[in-house]
């Protein structure tokens, strides 16, 4: 087999992971036809079909599954060694891919990147906003960013932010026409703005705690979003109460556009953690960014 086939194997692995030539081509920034030609050429040289193609999906054949099971771990080892070699360069360089939720990307990552990236022009950062618990190893992310109590135990987790707090907020106009709730069950009489999270399997139940008493309330209202930014906009417009991270609405509370309720029922919880596999050799670029994230709040 010719030497260039190492790249072909990388392509085959990505197509199999994505289950689509279109998505894999978009990830690589090349045309779908070029990607198909690469895989077809690999199949011709090996003399066996590796992928089963239909109009809706792409899946490995038995021969493809056998090849991928054999080479995938080895490709990961090669990537790690190449990353380690990059770390020996005088200038930190390379791409860092991070999977984060919306609030973490805005409140934790961006304030640091705004000053970090101008110092290291050879470092690129790709952030994917995702509320699901993505398998960062399978999807080839360098790290994930999530609230501390939901990080997988087999990961190295580095604190990169203080404890967080959720708050229930509503606009003064809304609260002028609806008596403020005094206890969590009172929320059932209010219009509330719901959040749908893929990790929860449905609408998020608002979680409260006071004097070690935990209360979860499923609220109702006209609006359901899967982003906190839209929830805040709806609350500002008077469509009801929203349950959001304090950092997300700090400015609106300070200038009086939103008012908090049920403050004594809203406890703090572990802050954000940057997590990554313990077995992966980290690049110099990744190490520098991790240090910058930690230093930003210590």
Protein backbone atom coordinates (compact mmCIF):
# COMPACT_ATOMS: atom_id res chain seq x y z
CA UNK A 1 0.00 0.00 0.00
CA UNK A 2 1.34 3.43 -0.87
CA UNK A 3 2.42 5.79 1.91
CA UNK A 4 -0.23 8.40 1.14
CA UNK A 5 -2.92 5.93 2.25
CA UNK A 6 -2.50 7.12 5.84
CA UNK A 7 -4.46 10.23 4.87
CA UNK A 8 -6.98 8.00 3.08
CA UNK A 9 -7.52 6.04 6.29
CA UNK A 10 -8.15 9.29 8.16
CA UNK A 11 -10.76 10.17 5.55
CA UNK A 12 -12.40 6.74 5.81
CA UNK A 13 -12.58 7.03 9.60
CA UNK A 14 -14.20 10.47 9.44
CA UNK A 15 -16.82 9.35 6.89
CA UNK A 16 -17.67 6.36 9.08
CA UNK A 17 -17.95 8.55 12.19
CA UNK A 18 -20.18 11.11 10.45
CA UNK A 19 -22.22 8.51 8.55
CA UNK A 20 -22.28 10.93 5.65
CA UNK A 21 -19.97 12.01 2.83
CA UNK A 22 -21.58 15.46 2.91
CA UNK A 23 -20.88 16.10 6.60
CA UNK A 24 -17.39 14.62 6.39
CA UNK A 25 -16.56 16.81 3.38
CA UNK A 26 -17.80 19.88 5.27
CA UNK A 27 -15.57 18.97 8.24
CA UNK A 28 -12.55 18.66 5.98
CA UNK A 29 -13.35 21.67 3.82
CA UNK A 30 -13.22 19.71 0.54
CA UNK A 31 -15.80 18.73 -2.08
CA UNK A 32 -17.97 15.67 -1.63
CA UNK A 33 -16.84 14.30 -4.99
CA UNK A 34 -13.16 14.53 -3.97
CA UNK A 35 -13.96 12.71 -0.74
CA UNK A 36 -15.85 9.96 -2.56
CA UNK A 37 -12.98 9.56 -4.99
CA UNK A 38 -10.49 9.14 -2.14
CA UNK A 39 -12.55 6.39 -0.51
CA UNK A 40 -13.21 4.70 -3.85
CA UNK A 41 -9.48 4.70 -4.61
CA UNK A 42 -8.71 3.10 -1.25
CA UNK A 43 -11.32 0.41 -1.88
CA UNK A 44 -9.87 -0.30 -5.33
CA UNK A 45 -6.33 -0.66 -3.99
CA UNK A 46 -7.47 -3.01 -1.23
CA UNK A 47 -9.79 -4.90 -3.56
CA UNK A 48 -12.70 -4.85 -1.10
CA UNK A 49 -15.70 -2.62 -0.43
CA UNK A 50 -15.32 -0.70 2.85
CA UNK A 51 -18.48 1.42 2.99
CA UNK A 52 -22.09 0.62 2.19
CA UNK A 53 -23.73 3.64 0.60
CA UNK A 54 -27.47 4.40 0.45
CA UNK A 55 -29.35 7.60 -0.34
CA UNK A 56 -29.78 8.24 3.39
CA UNK A 57 -26.69 6.93 5.13
CA UNK A 58 -23.19 5.53 4.88
CA UNK A 59 -22.15 2.60 7.07
CA UNK A 60 -19.04 0.38 7.18
CA UNK A 61 -19.22 -3.05 5.58
CA UNK A 62 -17.91 -6.01 7.63
CA UNK A 63 -14.53 -5.49 5.96
CA UNK A 64 -14.70 -1.77 6.74
CA UNK A 65 -15.58 -2.43 10.38
CA UNK A 66 -12.62 -4.79 10.69
CA UNK A 67 -10.22 -2.28 9.16
CA UNK A 68 -11.49 0.63 11.28
CA UNK A 69 -11.37 -1.40 14.50
CA UNK A 70 -7.74 -2.19 13.76
CA UNK A 71 -6.43 1.17 12.56
CA UNK A 72 -8.52 3.68 14.54
CA UNK A 73 -6.57 3.32 17.85
CA UNK A 74 -3.29 3.43 15.94
CA UNK A 75 -4.29 6.59 14.10
CA UNK A 76 -5.07 8.19 17.47
CA UNK A 77 -1.58 7.25 18.70
CA UNK A 78 -0.05 8.80 15.60
CA UNK A 79 -2.03 12.01 16.13
CA UNK A 80 -0.82 12.18 19.73
CA UNK A 81 2.80 11.79 18.66
CA UNK A 82 2.45 14.47 15.99
CA UNK A 83 0.88 16.80 18.55
CA UNK A 84 3.81 16.15 20.86
CA UNK A 85 6.24 17.04 18.06
CA UNK A 86 4.36 20.29 17.42
CA UNK A 87 4.91 21.15 21.08
CA UNK A 88 8.65 21.24 20.39
CA UNK A 89 8.29 24.19 18.02
CA UNK A 90 9.53 27.58 19.16
CA UNK A 91 6.11 29.14 18.58
CA UNK A 92 3.00 27.41 19.97
CA UNK A 93 0.79 26.61 17.01
CA UNK A 94 -2.07 24.43 15.88
CA UNK A 95 -5.83 24.13 16.19
CA UNK A 96 -7.60 23.58 19.51
CA UNK A 97 -11.13 22.16 19.22
CA UNK A 98 -13.41 22.67 22.23
CA UNK A 99 -17.00 21.51 22.77
CA UNK A 100 -18.92 23.77 25.18
CA UNK A 101 -22.42 24.78 26.13
CA UNK A 102 -23.63 28.24 25.17
CA UNK A 103 -23.16 29.92 28.52
CA UNK A 104 -19.69 28.44 29.05
CA UNK A 105 -18.56 29.56 25.61
CA UNK A 106 -19.72 33.12 26.22
CA UNK A 107 -18.93 33.56 29.92
CA UNK A 108 -15.75 31.48 30.31
CA UNK A 109 -14.05 30.94 26.94
CA UNK A 110 -14.61 34.16 25.04
CA UNK A 111 -13.33 36.66 27.68
CA UNK A 112 -10.04 34.72 27.78
CA UNK A 113 -9.74 34.16 24.03
CA UNK A 114 -10.23 37.86 23.39
CA UNK A 115 -6.85 38.59 24.98
CA UNK A 116 -5.17 35.19 24.48
CA UNK A 117 -5.37 34.85 20.69
CA UNK A 118 -3.66 38.17 19.79
CA UNK A 119 -0.64 36.96 21.79
CA UNK A 120 -0.41 33.70 19.81
CA UNK A 121 -1.26 34.33 16.15
CA UNK A 122 -0.29 30.77 15.13
CA UNK A 123 -2.95 29.22 17.39
CA UNK A 124 -6.45 28.63 16.05
CA UNK A 125 -9.43 27.82 18.27
CA UNK A 126 -12.62 26.11 17.08
CA UNK A 127 -15.57 26.17 19.49
CA UNK A 128 -18.67 24.06 18.94
CA UNK A 129 -21.67 25.06 21.06
CA UNK A 130 -23.59 21.95 22.09
CA UNK A 131 -25.86 21.25 25.07
CA UNK A 132 -25.47 17.48 24.71
CA UNK A 133 -22.72 15.49 26.41
CA UNK A 134 -20.67 14.90 23.28
CA UNK A 135 -18.07 12.12 23.27
CA UNK A 136 -15.06 14.40 22.83
CA UNK A 137 -12.74 11.47 22.12
CA UNK A 138 -14.87 9.98 19.34
CA UNK A 139 -15.53 13.41 17.83
CA UNK A 140 -11.85 14.37 18.05
CA UNK A 141 -12.23 17.40 20.30
CA UNK A 142 -9.25 18.43 22.36
CA UNK A 143 -11.45 19.28 25.34
CA UNK A 144 -14.95 19.91 26.57
CA UNK A 145 -16.31 22.62 28.86
CA UNK A 146 -19.15 21.76 31.21
CA UNK A 147 -20.43 22.43 34.72
CA UNK A 148 -18.34 20.49 37.23
CA UNK A 149 -20.89 17.95 38.45
CA UNK A 150 -21.62 16.51 34.99
CA UNK A 151 -18.05 15.88 33.81
CA UNK A 152 -17.26 12.20 33.18
CA UNK A 153 -15.10 10.67 35.90
CA UNK A 154 -12.52 9.22 33.53
CA UNK A 155 -11.49 12.71 32.39
CA UNK A 156 -8.99 15.19 33.76
CA UNK A 157 -11.13 18.14 34.89
CA UNK A 158 -9.51 21.54 35.42
CA UNK A 159 -11.51 24.24 37.23
CA UNK A 160 -11.72 27.33 35.00
CA UNK A 161 -14.36 29.36 36.77
CA UNK A 162 -15.97 30.07 40.15
CA UNK A 163 -19.14 28.44 41.48
CA UNK A 164 -22.26 29.36 39.54
CA UNK A 165 -25.77 30.32 40.58
CA UNK A 166 -29.11 30.12 38.81
CA UNK A 167 -31.73 32.85 39.30
CA UNK A 168 -35.40 33.21 38.46
CA UNK A 169 -35.99 36.49 36.66
CA UNK A 170 -38.87 38.41 35.17
CA UNK A 171 -39.39 41.86 33.74
CA UNK A 172 -40.82 44.60 36.00
CA UNK A 173 -43.80 44.82 33.63
CA UNK A 174 -44.57 41.11 34.02
CA UNK A 175 -44.18 41.15 37.82
CA UNK A 176 -46.40 44.24 38.08
CA UNK A 177 -49.29 42.13 36.80
CA UNK A 178 -48.39 38.81 38.43
CA UNK A 179 -47.67 38.44 42.18
CA UNK A 180 -44.10 37.32 42.78
CA UNK A 181 -43.76 33.64 43.81
CA UNK A 182 -42.63 33.01 47.39
CA UNK A 183 -41.93 29.28 47.07
CA UNK A 184 -41.06 27.11 44.04
CA UNK A 185 -44.55 25.50 43.76
CA UNK A 186 -45.97 29.00 43.22
CA UNK A 187 -44.35 28.91 39.76
CA UNK A 188 -47.14 26.67 38.49
CA UNK A 189 -49.42 29.74 38.55
CA UNK A 190 -47.00 31.71 36.36
CA UNK A 191 -46.14 31.85 32.70
CA UNK A 192 -42.62 30.47 32.47
CA UNK A 193 -40.10 30.25 29.65
CA UNK A 194 -38.94 26.67 29.23
CA UNK A 195 -35.60 25.23 28.23
CA UNK A 196 -35.22 21.98 26.31
CA UNK A 197 -31.92 20.15 26.81
CA UNK A 198 -30.97 17.00 24.86
CA UNK A 199 -29.24 15.53 27.91
CA UNK A 200 -32.45 15.70 29.93
CA UNK A 201 -34.68 13.97 27.37
CA UNK A 202 -37.31 16.69 27.59
CA UNK A 203 -38.04 20.04 29.20
CA UNK A 204 -35.69 21.06 32.00
CA UNK A 205 -37.30 20.86 35.45
CA UNK A 206 -36.29 23.91 37.49
CA UNK A 207 -34.17 22.79 40.44
CA UNK A 208 -34.27 24.54 43.82
CA UNK A 209 -32.85 23.95 47.27
CA UNK A 210 -33.28 25.56 50.69
CA UNK A 211 -32.25 24.24 54.11
CA UNK A 212 -31.26 20.93 52.44
CA UNK A 213 -34.75 20.59 50.99
CA UNK A 214 -34.67 19.98 47.24
CA UNK A 215 -37.63 20.87 45.03
CA UNK A 216 -37.96 20.35 41.27
CA UNK A 217 -40.74 22.17 39.46
CA UNK A 218 -41.97 21.54 35.93
CA UNK A 219 -43.22 24.85 34.64
CA UNK A 220 -45.45 25.82 31.74
CA UNK A 221 -45.70 28.75 29.37
CA UNK A 222 -46.02 29.79 25.76
CA UNK A 223 -42.35 29.54 24.87
CA UNK A 224 -39.71 26.79 24.76
CA UNK A 225 -36.13 27.44 23.64
CA UNK A 226 -32.89 25.49 23.49
CA UNK A 227 -30.68 28.55 23.98
CA UNK A 228 -30.40 30.78 27.03
CA UNK A 229 -29.96 33.89 24.95
CA UNK A 230 -33.47 33.55 23.55
CA UNK A 231 -34.86 32.82 27.01
CA UNK A 232 -33.42 36.09 28.28
CA UNK A 233 -34.86 38.03 25.34
CA UNK A 234 -38.30 36.56 26.02
CA UNK A 235 -38.07 37.44 29.72
CA UNK A 236 -37.04 41.01 28.88
CA UNK A 237 -40.05 41.25 26.56
CA UNK A 238 -42.40 40.29 29.42
CA UNK A 239 -43.36 36.78 28.28
CA UNK A 240 -42.88 35.32 31.76
CA UNK A 241 -40.29 34.09 34.25
CA UNK A 242 -37.02 32.47 33.18
CA UNK A 243 -34.48 30.39 35.08
CA UNK A 244 -31.00 31.43 33.96
CA UNK A 245 -27.38 31.60 35.17
CA UNK A 246 -26.75 34.78 37.11
CA UNK A 247 -23.78 35.66 34.88
CA UNK A 248 -26.10 35.55 31.87
CA UNK A 249 -28.48 38.18 33.27
CA UNK A 250 -26.20 40.17 35.58
CA UNK A 251 -26.31 43.30 33.41
CA UNK A 252 -30.08 43.24 32.95
CA UNK A 253 -30.57 42.86 36.72
CA UNK A 254 -28.15 45.68 37.48
CA UNK A 255 -29.89 48.17 35.19
CA UNK A 256 -33.38 47.16 36.32
CA UNK A 257 -34.61 45.49 33.14
CA UNK A 258 -35.02 42.18 35.03
CA UNK A 259 -35.92 41.44 38.65
CA UNK A 260 -35.01 38.32 40.60
CA UNK A 261 -37.46 36.25 42.67
CA UNK A 262 -37.05 33.17 44.90
CA UNK A 263 -33.47 34.21 45.69
CA UNK A 264 -33.34 32.14 48.89
CA UNK A 265 -34.23 29.01 46.91
CA UNK A 266 -31.41 29.39 44.36
CA UNK A 267 -28.19 27.75 45.66
CA UNK A 268 -24.74 27.84 44.13
CA UNK A 269 -23.36 24.85 42.25
CA UNK A 270 -19.89 23.76 40.98
CA UNK A 271 -18.49 26.01 38.29
CA UNK A 272 -17.10 25.20 34.87
CA UNK A 273 -14.44 22.56 34.26
CA UNK A 274 -12.28 22.13 31.18
CA UNK A 275 -12.01 18.36 30.73
CA UNK A 276 -9.96 16.13 28.45
CA UNK A 277 -8.76 12.50 28.25
CA UNK A 278 -5.99 11.61 30.67
CA UNK A 279 -4.14 9.51 28.09
CA UNK A 280 -3.80 12.25 25.48
CA UNK A 281 -0.49 14.08 25.05
CA UNK A 282 -1.42 17.77 25.11
CA UNK A 283 0.17 20.29 22.76
CA UNK A 284 1.96 23.40 23.93
CA UNK A 285 -0.89 25.50 22.51
CA UNK A 286 -3.49 23.61 24.55
CA UNK A 287 -1.39 23.84 27.70
CA UNK A 288 -1.06 27.61 27.30
CA UNK A 289 -4.80 28.07 26.81
CA UNK A 290 -5.57 25.91 29.84
CA UNK A 291 -3.21 28.02 31.96
CA UNK A 292 -4.85 31.22 30.69
CA UNK A 293 -8.33 29.93 31.53
CA UNK A 294 -7.28 28.98 35.07
CA UNK A 295 -5.46 32.27 35.66
CA UNK A 296 -8.50 34.29 34.58
CA UNK A 297 -10.49 33.49 37.70
CA UNK A 298 -7.91 32.51 40.34
